[in-house]
Protein backbone atom coordinates (compact mmCIF):
# COMPACT_ATOMS: atom_id res chain seq x y z
CA MET A 1 17.07 19.72 5.51
CA GLN A 2 14.45 22.42 5.33
CA ARG A 3 15.78 25.72 6.62
CA GLY A 4 13.95 27.44 9.47
CA ILE A 5 11.82 24.46 10.56
CA TYR A 6 12.51 23.34 14.14
CA ASN A 7 11.02 20.66 16.38
CA LYS A 8 9.79 21.16 19.95
CA MET A 9 13.33 20.87 21.33
CA GLY A 10 14.63 23.65 19.09
CA LEU A 11 16.51 21.24 16.84
CA MET A 12 16.31 21.39 13.06
CA LYS A 13 13.47 19.13 11.91
CA TYR A 14 14.58 16.01 10.07
CA GLU A 15 13.34 15.29 6.54
CA ILE A 16 13.33 12.07 4.53
CA ASN A 17 12.88 12.48 0.78
CA PHE A 18 11.41 9.79 -1.48
CA SER A 19 11.74 10.05 -5.25
CA GLU A 20 8.90 7.52 -5.71
CA ASN A 21 6.13 6.13 -3.55
CA TRP A 22 7.28 2.53 -4.09
CA ASN A 23 4.60 -0.04 -3.32
CA ASP A 24 2.34 2.85 -2.21
CA LYS A 25 4.12 2.45 1.14
CA LEU A 26 3.87 6.10 2.14
CA ASN A 27 0.11 5.64 2.51
CA ASN A 28 0.52 2.89 5.12
CA LYS A 29 0.40 3.42 8.89
CA LEU A 30 3.86 1.83 9.23
CA PHE A 31 6.58 1.97 6.59
CA THR A 32 10.32 1.68 6.14
CA THR A 33 13.07 3.12 4.04
CA ILE A 34 16.60 1.92 3.49
CA ARG A 35 19.38 4.45 3.05
CA ARG A 36 23.14 4.40 2.74
CA TYR A 37 24.90 4.75 6.09
CA THR A 38 26.81 7.93 6.88
CA ARG A 39 28.11 9.17 10.25
CA PHE A 40 26.36 12.50 9.63
CA ARG A 41 23.00 10.74 9.12
CA ILE A 42 23.42 8.74 12.33
CA LYS A 43 24.10 11.90 14.34
CA LYS A 44 20.96 13.51 12.96
CA LEU A 45 18.95 10.31 13.50
CA SER A 46 19.97 10.12 17.14
CA ASP A 47 18.49 13.58 17.62
CA ALA A 48 15.33 12.72 15.65
CA LYS A 49 14.42 9.32 17.16
CA GLY A 50 10.88 9.56 18.56
CA GLU A 51 10.34 12.91 16.85
CA ILE A 52 8.00 13.88 14.05
CA VAL A 53 9.87 14.08 10.74
CA ASP A 54 8.75 15.51 7.41
CA ILE A 55 8.25 12.96 4.65
CA LEU A 56 8.93 14.52 1.25
CA LEU A 57 7.87 13.07 -2.09
CA ASP A 58 10.02 14.38 -4.92
CA GLY A 59 11.12 17.31 -2.74
CA LYS A 60 7.62 18.41 -1.63
CA LYS A 61 6.15 17.78 1.81
CA TYR A 62 3.86 14.75 1.58
CA LYS A 63 3.12 14.01 5.24
CA GLU A 64 4.57 13.74 8.71
CA ALA A 65 5.68 10.56 10.45
CA ILE A 66 7.28 9.57 13.72
CA LEU A 67 10.75 8.09 13.46
CA VAL A 68 10.10 5.03 15.62
CA GLY A 69 13.61 3.68 15.28
CA PHE A 70 16.39 2.57 12.99
CA ASP A 71 18.95 -0.19 12.53
CA VAL A 72 22.42 0.02 11.02
CA LEU A 73 23.62 -3.15 9.30
CA PRO A 74 25.27 -4.42 6.14
CA PHE A 75 22.82 -4.52 3.24
CA SER A 76 23.42 -8.27 2.92
CA GLU A 77 21.87 -8.73 6.40
CA VAL A 78 18.61 -6.89 5.66
CA PRO A 79 15.95 -9.63 5.60
CA LEU A 80 14.70 -10.44 2.10
CA GLY A 81 11.08 -10.07 3.27
CA LEU A 82 11.76 -6.50 4.43
CA LEU A 83 13.44 -5.66 1.11
CA ARG A 84 10.45 -7.05 -0.78
CA LEU A 85 7.98 -5.02 1.25
CA ASP A 86 10.13 -1.91 1.03
CA ILE A 87 10.12 -1.77 -2.78
CA GLY A 88 7.03 -3.83 -3.58
CA SER A 89 8.72 -6.54 -5.62
CA TYR A 90 9.38 -10.21 -4.98
CA ASP A 91 12.03 -10.41 -7.70
CA ARG A 92 15.57 -10.48 -6.26
CA LYS A 93 16.87 -8.96 -9.53
CA ASP A 94 14.57 -5.91 -9.10
CA ILE A 95 15.97 -5.44 -5.60
CA GLU A 96 19.57 -5.61 -6.85
CA ILE A 97 18.87 -3.20 -9.72
CA LEU A 98 17.01 -0.65 -7.60
CA PHE A 99 19.52 -0.54 -4.76
CA GLY A 100 22.55 -0.93 -7.03
CA GLY A 101 21.29 2.12 -8.93
CA ILE A 102 21.74 4.21 -5.78
CA GLY A 103 25.11 2.71 -4.85
CA ILE A 104 23.93 0.14 -2.30
CA TYR A 105 25.49 -3.31 -2.69
CA SER A 106 25.73 -6.37 -0.43
CA ASP A 107 28.76 -5.01 1.47
CA THR A 108 27.32 -1.48 1.89
CA ASP A 109 26.31 -0.45 5.41
CA VAL A 110 22.74 0.84 5.44
CA ILE A 111 20.27 2.41 7.82
CA VAL A 112 16.80 0.88 7.94
CA PHE A 113 14.33 3.54 9.11
CA TYR A 114 11.08 2.47 10.82
CA LEU A 115 8.38 5.13 10.55
CA ARG A 116 4.79 5.53 11.75
CA SER A 117 2.49 7.87 9.87
CA CYS A 118 0.92 10.72 11.85
CA ASP A 119 -2.17 10.96 9.63
CA ASN A 120 -3.54 7.39 9.44
């Protein structure tokens, strides 16, 4: 969370950080990200739904996007097509390696964020 940045309702502005621009997805009008579920994240997301959020790339502001919505579900229930689009690989092994590397496995609850770019 960036300190001192507030949205129109006076709430702290939400940020989503990406370490890589997988599949060049941050340059699309619509894009997703899949993150590990936490109760804290859900509370913040409820406040941010429909709001403009800052998209960071390696800790630096890259763009703004509207948080259109989100789903909470077990990782095993995320459709394979969505996973492929999210990371830009059709190889199931790549998906397992990438998400396993950040502690997300088939039984892990995740949040799928749906975002719409403000600048496209």
